[in-house]
Protein backbone atom coordinates (compact mmCIF):
# COMPACT_ATOMS: atom_id res chain seq x y z
CA MET A 1 11.15 8.12 -18.34
CA THR A 2 12.87 5.72 -15.96
CA ARG A 3 12.19 2.07 -16.48
CA GLY A 4 12.09 -0.37 -13.63
CA TYR A 5 10.08 -0.20 -10.43
CA PHE A 6 10.47 0.16 -6.70
CA GLY A 7 8.55 -0.26 -3.51
CA ILE A 8 9.12 0.87 0.05
CA GLY A 9 8.06 -0.51 3.40
CA VAL A 10 8.72 -0.74 7.09
CA GLU A 11 9.35 -3.67 9.39
CA GLY A 12 7.71 -3.54 12.83
CA ILE A 13 6.09 -0.13 12.42
CA SER A 14 3.80 0.78 15.31
CA LYS A 15 2.74 4.38 14.75
CA ASP A 16 -0.19 4.94 12.40
CA TYR A 17 0.90 8.44 11.43
CA ASN A 18 4.40 7.27 10.46
CA LEU A 19 3.01 4.59 8.15
CA GLY A 20 0.63 7.15 6.66
CA ALA A 21 3.55 9.49 5.96
CA VAL A 22 5.61 6.67 4.42
CA MET A 23 2.68 5.70 2.18
CA ARG A 24 2.08 9.31 1.12
CA THR A 25 5.78 9.69 0.35
CA ALA A 26 5.75 6.45 -1.68
CA HIS A 27 2.80 7.77 -3.67
CA ALA A 28 4.46 11.18 -4.19
CA PHE A 29 7.63 9.56 -5.57
CA ASP A 30 5.57 7.22 -7.82
CA ALA A 31 6.41 3.96 -6.05
CA SER A 32 4.95 0.80 -7.52
CA PHE A 33 3.96 -0.56 -4.11
CA ALA A 34 4.29 -0.12 -0.37
CA PHE A 35 4.49 -2.81 2.29
CA THR A 36 4.67 -3.61 5.97
CA VAL A 37 6.25 -6.51 7.81
CA ASP A 38 5.03 -7.37 11.31
CA ALA A 39 3.12 -4.09 11.57
CA ALA A 40 1.01 -3.05 14.56
CA VAL A 41 -1.02 -0.20 13.06
CA ASP A 42 -4.61 0.68 12.27
CA LEU A 43 -4.72 1.31 8.52
CA TYR A 44 -7.78 3.52 8.89
CA LYS A 45 -5.85 5.86 11.19
CA THR A 46 -2.99 6.21 8.67
CA GLN A 47 -5.29 8.44 6.61
CA ALA A 48 -4.64 11.30 9.04
CA THR A 49 -1.16 11.71 7.51
CA ASP A 50 -1.74 9.97 4.18
CA THR A 51 -3.72 12.85 2.76
CA SER A 52 -3.07 11.71 -0.83
CA ARG A 53 -5.13 8.57 -0.15
CA SER A 54 -2.28 6.41 -1.47
CA HIS A 55 -4.23 3.22 -0.78
CA THR A 56 -6.36 4.12 -3.83
CA HIS A 57 -3.28 4.54 -6.05
CA LEU A 58 -0.77 1.86 -5.12
CA PRO A 59 -0.97 -1.57 -3.54
CA LEU A 60 -0.03 -2.10 0.09
CA TYR A 61 1.29 -5.57 0.90
CA GLU A 62 1.14 -6.72 4.51
CA TRP A 63 3.37 -9.59 5.60
CA ASP A 64 3.46 -11.17 9.03
CA ASN A 65 7.23 -11.68 8.97
CA VAL A 66 10.28 -11.35 6.76
CA GLU A 67 10.13 -15.00 5.73
CA ALA A 68 6.60 -14.45 4.33
CA MET A 69 7.70 -11.59 2.07
CA THR A 70 7.18 -12.37 -1.60
CA LEU A 71 8.84 -9.82 -3.84
CA PRO A 72 8.69 -9.88 -7.64
CA LYS A 73 11.36 -11.93 -9.41
CA GLY A 74 14.49 -9.84 -9.84
CA CYS A 75 13.48 -7.35 -7.14
CA GLU A 76 16.35 -6.67 -4.74
CA LEU A 77 15.60 -5.94 -1.09
CA ILE A 78 17.62 -2.92 0.09
CA GLY A 79 17.82 -2.24 3.82
CA ILE A 80 17.94 1.34 5.08
CA GLU A 81 19.65 1.12 8.46
CA LEU A 82 22.25 3.10 10.39
CA THR A 83 24.99 0.51 10.86
CA GLU A 84 28.75 0.98 10.81
CA ASP A 85 29.30 -1.21 7.76
CA ALA A 86 26.38 0.15 5.71
CA GLU A 87 27.05 2.01 2.47
CA ASP A 88 26.41 5.77 2.59
CA LEU A 89 23.26 6.76 0.69
CA PRO A 90 24.98 9.54 -1.32
CA SER A 91 27.44 6.94 -2.71
CA PHE A 92 24.90 4.16 -3.24
CA ARG A 93 23.96 3.07 -6.76
CA HIS A 94 20.25 2.29 -6.63
CA SER A 95 18.98 -0.92 -8.21
CA LEU A 96 16.58 -0.46 -11.11
CA ASN A 97 14.12 -2.94 -9.55
CA CYS A 98 14.09 -2.99 -5.77
CA ALA A 99 12.18 -2.69 -2.53
CA TYR A 100 13.53 -0.54 0.28
CA ILE A 101 12.87 -1.75 3.82
CA LEU A 102 13.26 0.47 6.86
CA GLY A 103 13.37 -0.46 10.52
CA PRO A 104 10.74 0.43 13.11
CA GLU A 105 10.50 3.48 15.30
CA LYS A 106 12.89 3.14 18.21
CA GLY A 107 14.46 0.03 16.72
CA SER A 108 16.46 -1.50 13.92
CA LEU A 109 15.89 -3.90 11.07
CA SER A 110 15.79 -7.42 12.42
CA PRO A 111 18.74 -9.74 11.74
CA ALA A 112 16.39 -11.78 9.50
CA ALA A 113 15.56 -8.68 7.42
CA GLN A 114 19.20 -7.61 7.19
CA ALA A 115 20.23 -11.11 6.10
CA ARG A 116 17.71 -10.96 3.25
CA CYS A 117 18.94 -7.62 1.95
CA ALA A 118 21.17 -7.36 -1.13
CA ALA A 119 22.63 -4.19 0.42
CA ILE A 120 22.37 -2.18 3.62
CA VAL A 121 22.45 1.57 3.11
CA LYS A 122 22.64 4.34 5.69
CA ILE A 123 21.71 7.97 5.65
CA PRO A 124 24.91 9.56 6.99
CA THR A 125 23.64 11.24 10.16
CA LYS A 126 24.81 11.31 13.77
CA PHE A 127 21.75 9.32 14.91
CA CYS A 128 18.64 7.68 13.52
CA LEU A 129 15.96 9.76 11.83
CA ASN A 130 12.21 9.41 11.95
CA VAL A 131 11.21 6.48 9.72
CA SER A 132 9.02 8.60 7.43
CA LEU A 133 11.82 11.14 6.95
CA ALA A 134 14.29 8.34 6.20
CA ALA A 135 11.84 7.01 3.58
CA ALA A 136 11.54 10.45 1.99
CA LEU A 137 15.31 10.98 1.85
CA THR A 138 15.84 7.53 0.33
CA LEU A 139 13.25 8.08 -2.39
CA TYR A 140 14.51 11.61 -3.07
CA ASP A 141 18.00 10.21 -3.57
CA ARG A 142 16.58 7.60 -5.96
CA ALA A 143 14.79 10.37 -7.88
CA LEU A 144 18.06 12.29 -8.20
CA CYS A 145 19.84 9.19 -9.49
CA PHE A 146 17.21 8.08 -12.01
CA GLY A 147 15.41 11.35 -12.72
CA GLY A 148 17.58 12.58 -15.59
CA TYR A 149 18.60 15.74 -13.74
CA SER A 150 21.80 17.49 -14.73
CA GLY A 151 24.71 17.38 -12.32
CA ARG A 152 25.04 20.04 -9.69
CA PRO A 153 27.31 22.98 -10.50
CA LEU A 154 30.69 23.08 -8.84
CA LEU A 155 30.10 26.64 -7.66
CA SER A 156 27.33 27.78 -5.35
CA HIS A 157 24.56 29.83 -6.95
CA ARG A 158 26.01 33.01 -5.37
CA ALA A 159 29.54 32.31 -6.63
CA ALA A 160 28.21 31.46 -10.09
CA ARG A 161 26.23 34.74 -10.22
CA GLN A 162 29.32 36.73 -9.16
CA ARG A 163 31.37 34.96 -11.84
CA ARG A 164 28.76 35.78 -14.52
CA LYS A 165 28.79 39.45 -13.45
CA ALA A 166 32.59 39.56 -13.60
CA ILE A 167 32.61 38.03 -17.08
CA ALA A 168 29.94 40.48 -18.26
CA ALA A 169 31.87 43.44 -16.81
CA LYS A 170 35.10 42.26 -18.46
CA SER A 171 33.40 41.89 -21.82
CA ILE A 172 32.02 45.47 -21.54
CA ASP A 173 35.54 46.74 -20.67
CA ASP A 174 37.03 44.79 -23.60
CA SER A 175 34.55 46.27 -26.06
CA HIS A 176 35.61 49.88 -25.23
């Protein structure tokens, strides 16, 4: 069982269904909280995509601006943003206690939000992804890092199966 906690939120989100999807994803990955900063959404309408009813399972904090954000002591703010100098998500070492903040649809994290972040991390793609997909990929990567999963094999599943067959065939030949 991983210790620590994390939350995820979006700055300047304006589409109800995207916030609903982010909240459902947060709930699915067992986030401790979700949040918005300067949001322009109708929370009732988020239920169309938040079919897990996350608002009954984890707190949602709503802040008017980045300066009003109050995170728990020791909680690092990690920005998820496609910038040239950002660290690639597959190489990023997640903080045990943190809050991930994503930028709005058709926009970027504000300079104030980026300045507050302990790190800026990017999903290595050619262009920006939908905010709810970016949230899901970020939390999936966190789950891989902290989930206690074994490392991936060096060979593909097909190559590994062919190698096992070859070893089995050789051992049959050797026994005759």
